[in-house]
N, C-alpha and C. Protein backbone atom coordinates (compact mmCIF):
# COMPACT_ATOMS: atom_id res chain seq x y z
N MET A 1 0.77 -1.07 0.06
CA MET A 1 0.01 0.03 -0.11
C MET A 1 1.04 1.45 0.23
N ARG A 2 0.38 2.12 -1.01
CA ARG A 2 1.61 3.29 -0.90
C ARG A 2 0.58 4.83 -1.13
N ILE A 3 1.30 5.96 -0.80
CA ILE A 3 0.42 7.19 -1.02
C ILE A 3 0.65 6.88 -2.40
N ILE A 4 -0.80 7.55 -2.97
CA ILE A 4 -0.82 7.92 -4.42
C ILE A 4 -0.33 9.01 -5.30
N ALA A 5 -0.67 10.26 -4.50
CA ALA A 5 -0.01 11.40 -5.61
C ALA A 5 0.42 12.57 -4.14
N GLY A 6 0.94 13.48 -4.71
CA GLY A 6 1.03 14.65 -3.41
C GLY A 6 2.94 14.82 -3.37
N GLN A 7 2.65 15.32 -1.91
CA GLN A 7 4.28 15.51 -1.67
C GLN A 7 5.20 14.19 -0.94
N ALA A 8 4.21 13.16 -0.53
CA ALA A 8 4.87 11.85 -0.53
C ALA A 8 4.39 10.50 -1.13
N LYS A 9 4.20 11.13 -2.36
CA LYS A 9 3.72 10.06 -3.57
C LYS A 9 4.91 8.81 -3.69
N GLY A 10 4.17 7.51 -3.44
CA GLY A 10 5.01 6.26 -3.97
C GLY A 10 5.20 5.78 -2.69
N ARG A 11 4.84 6.69 -1.13
CA ARG A 11 5.79 6.63 -0.24
C ARG A 11 5.01 4.94 0.49
N ARG A 12 5.66 4.01 1.06
CA ARG A 12 4.81 2.88 1.37
C ARG A 12 4.56 2.99 2.52
N LEU A 13 3.61 2.20 3.05
CA LEU A 13 2.64 2.71 4.50
C LEU A 13 2.93 1.43 4.73
N ALA A 14 2.75 1.29 6.19
CA ALA A 14 3.12 0.12 7.30
C ALA A 14 1.37 -0.29 7.27
N ALA A 15 1.26 -1.71 7.74
CA ALA A 15 0.11 -2.02 8.14
C ALA A 15 0.58 -3.10 9.41
N PRO A 16 -0.54 -2.66 10.38
CA PRO A 16 -0.45 -4.21 11.24
C PRO A 16 -0.69 -5.36 10.84
N ALA A 17 -0.11 -6.55 10.92
CA ALA A 17 -0.36 -7.90 10.63
C ALA A 17 -1.78 -8.16 11.19
N GLY A 18 -2.60 -9.11 10.44
CA GLY A 18 -3.68 -9.62 11.01
C GLY A 18 -5.43 -8.85 10.62
N ALA A 19 -6.14 -9.44 10.67
CA ALA A 19 -7.39 -9.35 10.01
C ALA A 19 -8.21 -8.35 10.59
N LEU A 20 -7.40 -7.40 11.62
CA LEU A 20 -8.41 -6.46 12.16
C LEU A 20 -8.23 -5.19 11.55
N THR A 21 -7.43 -4.63 10.60
CA THR A 21 -7.03 -3.61 10.31
C THR A 21 -6.94 -4.00 8.55
N ARG A 22 -8.22 -3.57 7.90
CA ARG A 22 -8.03 -3.63 6.30
C ARG A 22 -7.92 -2.28 5.77
N PRO A 23 -6.73 -2.17 5.28
CA PRO A 23 -6.38 -0.87 4.54
C PRO A 23 -7.21 -0.81 3.44
N THR A 24 -7.46 0.67 3.29
CA THR A 24 -8.39 1.28 2.04
C THR A 24 -7.35 0.73 0.59
N ALA A 25 -8.21 0.16 -0.34
CA ALA A 25 -7.60 -0.44 -1.42
C ALA A 25 -7.23 1.16 -2.41
N GLY A 26 -6.20 1.14 -3.02
CA GLY A 26 -5.52 2.33 -3.90
C GLY A 26 -6.73 2.61 -4.72
N ARG A 27 -7.73 1.85 -5.04
CA ARG A 27 -8.57 2.27 -6.19
C ARG A 27 -9.36 3.09 -5.66
N VAL A 28 -10.02 2.70 -4.59
CA VAL A 28 -11.03 3.39 -3.51
C VAL A 28 -10.14 4.90 -3.09
N LYS A 29 -9.13 4.68 -2.75
CA LYS A 29 -8.10 6.30 -2.56
C LYS A 29 -8.32 7.43 -3.99
N GLU A 30 -8.15 6.19 -4.90
CA GLU A 30 -8.48 7.12 -6.06
C GLU A 30 -9.15 7.98 -6.21
N ALA A 31 -10.68 7.21 -6.42
CA ALA A 31 -12.26 7.67 -6.41
C ALA A 31 -12.35 8.59 -5.55
N VAL A 32 -12.19 8.56 -4.15
CA VAL A 32 -12.57 9.57 -3.19
C VAL A 32 -11.62 10.70 -3.71
N PHE A 33 -10.41 10.67 -3.78
CA PHE A 33 -9.66 11.87 -3.79
C PHE A 33 -9.82 12.74 -5.54
N SER A 34 -10.35 11.73 -6.36
CA SER A 34 -10.79 12.33 -7.83
C SER A 34 -11.83 13.15 -7.62
N VAL A 35 -12.93 13.10 -6.54
CA VAL A 35 -13.88 13.81 -6.11
C VAL A 35 -13.77 15.09 -5.24
N LEU A 36 -12.94 14.71 -4.35
CA LEU A 36 -12.53 15.58 -3.15
C LEU A 36 -11.45 16.55 -3.52
N ALA A 37 -10.81 16.56 -4.82
CA ALA A 37 -9.52 16.88 -5.29
C ALA A 37 -9.65 18.32 -5.10
N ALA A 38 -11.04 19.01 -5.29
CA ALA A 38 -10.59 20.83 -5.09
C ALA A 38 -10.84 20.94 -3.51
N GLN A 39 -11.66 19.88 -2.76
CA GLN A 39 -11.57 20.32 -1.58
C GLN A 39 -10.26 19.94 -0.24
N THR A 40 -9.44 19.48 -1.03
CA THR A 40 -8.30 18.88 -0.07
C THR A 40 -7.14 19.69 0.53
N ALA A 41 -6.94 21.00 -0.52
CA ALA A 41 -6.09 21.93 -0.45
C ALA A 41 -6.39 22.38 0.64
N GLY A 42 -5.82 22.79 1.90
CA GLY A 42 -5.98 23.73 2.80
C GLY A 42 -6.86 23.12 3.74
N ALA A 43 -7.67 21.88 3.81
CA ALA A 43 -8.51 21.18 4.44
C ALA A 43 -8.03 20.79 5.81
N VAL A 44 -9.05 20.67 6.93
CA VAL A 44 -8.94 20.07 8.37
C VAL A 44 -9.95 18.64 7.74
N VAL A 45 -8.95 17.70 8.13
CA VAL A 45 -9.67 16.15 7.82
C VAL A 45 -9.48 15.53 9.25
N LEU A 46 -10.80 14.64 9.20
CA LEU A 46 -11.30 13.31 10.37
C LEU A 46 -10.80 12.27 9.63
N ASP A 47 -9.97 11.56 10.07
CA ASP A 47 -9.56 9.93 9.50
C ASP A 47 -10.12 9.30 10.67
N ALA A 48 -11.39 8.90 10.97
CA ALA A 48 -11.87 8.21 12.31
C ALA A 48 -11.68 6.89 11.65
N PHE A 49 -11.59 6.02 12.68
CA PHE A 49 -11.17 4.36 12.70
C PHE A 49 -10.22 4.45 11.53
N ALA A 50 -8.61 4.97 11.89
CA ALA A 50 -8.04 5.30 10.66
C ALA A 50 -7.30 3.94 10.34
N GLY A 51 -7.12 2.93 10.84
CA GLY A 51 -6.35 1.74 10.40
C GLY A 51 -4.90 2.26 10.67
N THR A 52 -4.85 1.85 9.25
CA THR A 52 -3.15 2.70 8.64
C THR A 52 -2.93 4.05 8.89
N GLY A 53 -4.07 5.03 8.35
CA GLY A 53 -4.04 6.03 8.39
C GLY A 53 -3.89 6.46 6.84
N ALA A 54 -4.12 5.42 5.78
CA ALA A 54 -3.56 5.84 4.59
C ALA A 54 -4.40 6.88 3.86
N LEU A 55 -6.38 7.42 4.49
CA LEU A 55 -6.68 8.32 3.72
C LEU A 55 -6.41 9.50 4.67
N GLY A 56 -6.15 9.56 5.66
CA GLY A 56 -5.37 10.94 6.09
C GLY A 56 -4.25 11.18 5.26
N LEU A 57 -3.31 10.65 5.81
CA LEU A 57 -2.33 10.47 4.94
C LEU A 57 -2.25 10.96 3.63
N GLU A 58 -3.33 10.23 2.94
CA GLU A 58 -3.30 10.55 1.13
C GLU A 58 -3.75 12.43 1.54
N ALA A 59 -4.12 12.81 2.12
CA ALA A 59 -5.02 14.01 2.26
C ALA A 59 -4.10 15.00 2.62
N LEU A 60 -2.89 14.80 3.34
CA LEU A 60 -2.18 15.23 4.06
C LEU A 60 -1.31 15.35 2.66
N SER A 61 -0.60 14.41 2.14
CA SER A 61 0.25 14.10 0.91
C SER A 61 -0.18 15.31 -0.06
N ARG A 62 -1.96 15.47 -0.43
CA ARG A 62 -2.15 16.40 -1.23
C ARG A 62 -3.04 17.65 -0.86
N GLY A 63 -1.89 18.26 0.44
CA GLY A 63 -1.93 19.38 0.62
C GLY A 63 -3.02 20.07 1.76
N ALA A 64 -3.75 18.47 2.30
CA ALA A 64 -4.39 19.17 3.77
C ALA A 64 -3.85 20.04 4.34
N GLU A 65 -4.16 20.66 5.66
CA GLU A 65 -3.31 21.41 6.52
C GLU A 65 -3.40 20.77 7.67
N LYS A 66 -4.08 19.90 7.88
CA LYS A 66 -4.10 18.85 9.36
C LYS A 66 -5.14 17.72 8.95
N THR A 67 -4.36 17.00 9.86
CA THR A 67 -5.26 15.62 9.84
C THR A 67 -5.65 14.92 11.38
N VAL A 68 -6.53 14.83 11.82
CA VAL A 68 -6.74 13.90 13.10
C VAL A 68 -6.82 12.62 12.72
N PHE A 69 -6.24 11.61 13.28
CA PHE A 69 -6.28 10.33 13.30
C PHE A 69 -6.87 9.71 14.23
N LEU A 70 -8.50 9.03 14.83
CA LEU A 70 -8.82 8.34 15.73
C LEU A 70 -8.37 6.99 15.46
N GLU A 71 -8.13 6.05 16.47
CA GLU A 71 -7.69 4.47 16.22
C GLU A 71 -7.93 4.22 17.51
N LYS A 72 -8.33 3.04 17.75
CA LYS A 72 -8.54 2.30 19.43
C LYS A 72 -7.44 1.28 19.14
N GLU A 73 -6.81 0.01 17.97
CA GLU A 73 -6.46 -0.63 17.93
C GLU A 73 -4.51 -0.40 18.38
N ARG A 74 -3.94 -1.20 19.14
CA ARG A 74 -2.61 -0.66 19.43
C ARG A 74 -1.46 -1.00 18.20
N ALA A 75 -2.02 -1.77 17.78
CA ALA A 75 -0.95 -2.45 16.36
C ALA A 75 -1.20 -1.36 15.52
N ALA A 76 -2.59 -1.10 14.90
CA ALA A 76 -2.89 -0.08 13.90
C ALA A 76 -2.27 1.25 14.42
N ILE A 77 -2.17 1.74 15.78
CA ILE A 77 -1.82 2.90 16.29
C ILE A 77 -0.16 3.28 15.98
N ALA A 78 0.41 1.99 16.32
CA ALA A 78 1.52 1.81 16.23
C ALA A 78 1.97 2.20 14.44
N ALA A 79 1.48 1.59 13.84
CA ALA A 79 1.41 1.58 12.41
C ALA A 79 0.97 3.14 11.97
N ILE A 80 -0.36 3.49 12.12
CA ILE A 80 -0.30 5.32 11.81
C ILE A 80 1.14 6.34 12.41
N ARG A 81 1.47 6.07 13.47
CA ARG A 81 2.83 6.59 14.19
C ARG A 81 3.82 6.71 13.01
N GLY A 82 4.14 5.43 12.86
CA GLY A 82 5.33 5.13 11.98
C GLY A 82 5.05 5.78 10.58
N ASN A 83 3.95 5.49 10.08
CA ASN A 83 3.23 5.88 8.65
C ASN A 83 3.42 7.54 8.66
N ILE A 84 3.20 8.46 9.78
CA ILE A 84 3.02 9.79 10.01
C ILE A 84 4.64 10.00 9.75
N ARG A 85 5.40 9.25 10.81
CA ARG A 85 6.82 9.74 10.82
C ARG A 85 7.58 9.64 9.66
N ALA A 86 7.04 8.63 8.69
CA ALA A 86 7.76 8.01 7.41
C ALA A 86 7.38 9.17 6.19
N CYS A 87 6.27 9.83 6.23
CA CYS A 87 5.98 10.89 5.43
C CYS A 87 6.37 11.78 5.82
N GLY A 88 6.72 12.15 7.13
CA GLY A 88 7.07 13.37 7.25
C GLY A 88 6.54 14.56 7.70
N PHE A 89 4.76 14.02 7.86
CA PHE A 89 3.63 14.83 8.62
C PHE A 89 3.72 15.19 10.19
N GLU A 90 4.77 15.04 10.77
CA GLU A 90 4.60 14.83 12.07
C GLU A 90 3.81 16.45 12.68
N GLU A 91 4.23 17.64 11.94
CA GLU A 91 3.94 18.91 12.28
C GLU A 91 2.43 19.22 11.87
N ARG A 92 1.74 18.16 10.90
CA ARG A 92 0.53 18.47 10.38
C ARG A 92 -0.63 17.34 10.86
N ALA A 93 -0.14 16.49 11.83
CA ALA A 93 -0.98 15.40 11.91
C ALA A 93 -1.36 14.98 13.69
N VAL A 94 -2.70 14.42 14.25
CA VAL A 94 -2.85 14.32 15.38
C VAL A 94 -2.97 13.21 15.36
N LEU A 95 -3.05 12.41 16.35
CA LEU A 95 -3.18 11.07 16.71
C LEU A 95 -4.12 11.14 17.80
N ILE A 96 -4.87 10.41 18.06
CA ILE A 96 -5.97 10.51 19.41
C ILE A 96 -6.10 8.61 19.53
N PRO A 97 -5.50 8.22 20.36
CA PRO A 97 -5.67 6.63 20.73
C PRO A 97 -6.93 6.59 21.33
N GLY A 98 -8.08 5.60 21.05
CA GLY A 98 -9.25 5.44 21.96
C GLY A 98 -10.25 5.27 20.41
N ASP A 99 -11.13 4.81 21.39
CA ASP A 99 -12.52 4.67 20.43
C ASP A 99 -12.86 5.85 19.77
N ALA A 100 -12.98 5.95 18.58
CA ALA A 100 -13.69 7.19 17.67
C ALA A 100 -15.01 7.32 18.23
N LEU A 101 -15.86 6.47 18.17
CA LEU A 101 -17.39 7.02 19.08
C LEU A 101 -16.97 7.88 19.86
N ARG A 102 -16.12 7.34 20.89
CA ARG A 102 -16.35 8.20 22.17
C ARG A 102 -15.73 9.76 22.15
N HIS A 103 -14.58 9.63 21.15
CA HIS A 103 -13.93 10.66 21.20
C HIS A 103 -14.85 12.11 20.04
N MET A 104 -15.10 11.31 19.21
CA MET A 104 -15.91 12.38 18.38
C MET A 104 -16.56 13.49 18.98
N PRO A 105 -17.66 13.14 19.81
CA PRO A 105 -18.29 14.29 20.27
C PRO A 105 -17.37 15.26 21.41
N ARG A 106 -16.38 14.87 21.61
CA ARG A 106 -15.13 15.97 22.52
C ARG A 106 -14.50 17.02 21.80
N LEU A 107 -14.55 16.74 20.21
CA LEU A 107 -13.20 17.21 19.45
C LEU A 107 -13.75 18.82 19.25
N ARG A 108 -13.10 19.37 19.23
CA ARG A 108 -13.48 20.95 19.38
C ARG A 108 -13.28 21.75 18.07
N GLU A 109 -12.94 20.69 16.99
CA GLU A 109 -12.43 20.79 15.46
C GLU A 109 -13.57 21.10 14.87
N THR A 110 -13.75 21.77 13.73
CA THR A 110 -14.23 21.74 12.76
C THR A 110 -13.70 21.12 11.74
N PHE A 111 -14.06 20.34 10.93
CA PHE A 111 -13.95 19.45 9.92
C PHE A 111 -14.36 19.92 8.70
N ASP A 112 -13.01 20.20 7.68
CA ASP A 112 -13.86 20.12 6.09
C ASP A 112 -14.24 18.64 5.71
N LEU A 113 -13.33 17.64 6.01
CA LEU A 113 -13.55 16.21 5.21
C LEU A 113 -13.39 15.44 6.12
């Protein structure tokens, strides 16, 4: 699995072993971002149930201002941390460990995507 376009294009993303995390397929990411292309640059993005962080990282690579990742699985959290670091997006990424449904109502941020 890789970042498809933008600043981190071609960067491989780590994924935890096992069936708990199912990475978003490249074709799905391409379809999503072809629809959202005009809205991605400068956007504040929420990647809930982040898994590997592929969608939020793709948004950052394509010019999003910030992505907030929500994930509760420990292996997935470790993969997201490593993927953020590998892409060089530490300054624009926030990872919140824990249940997304519990954390979403507490977020004070307004999200564009």
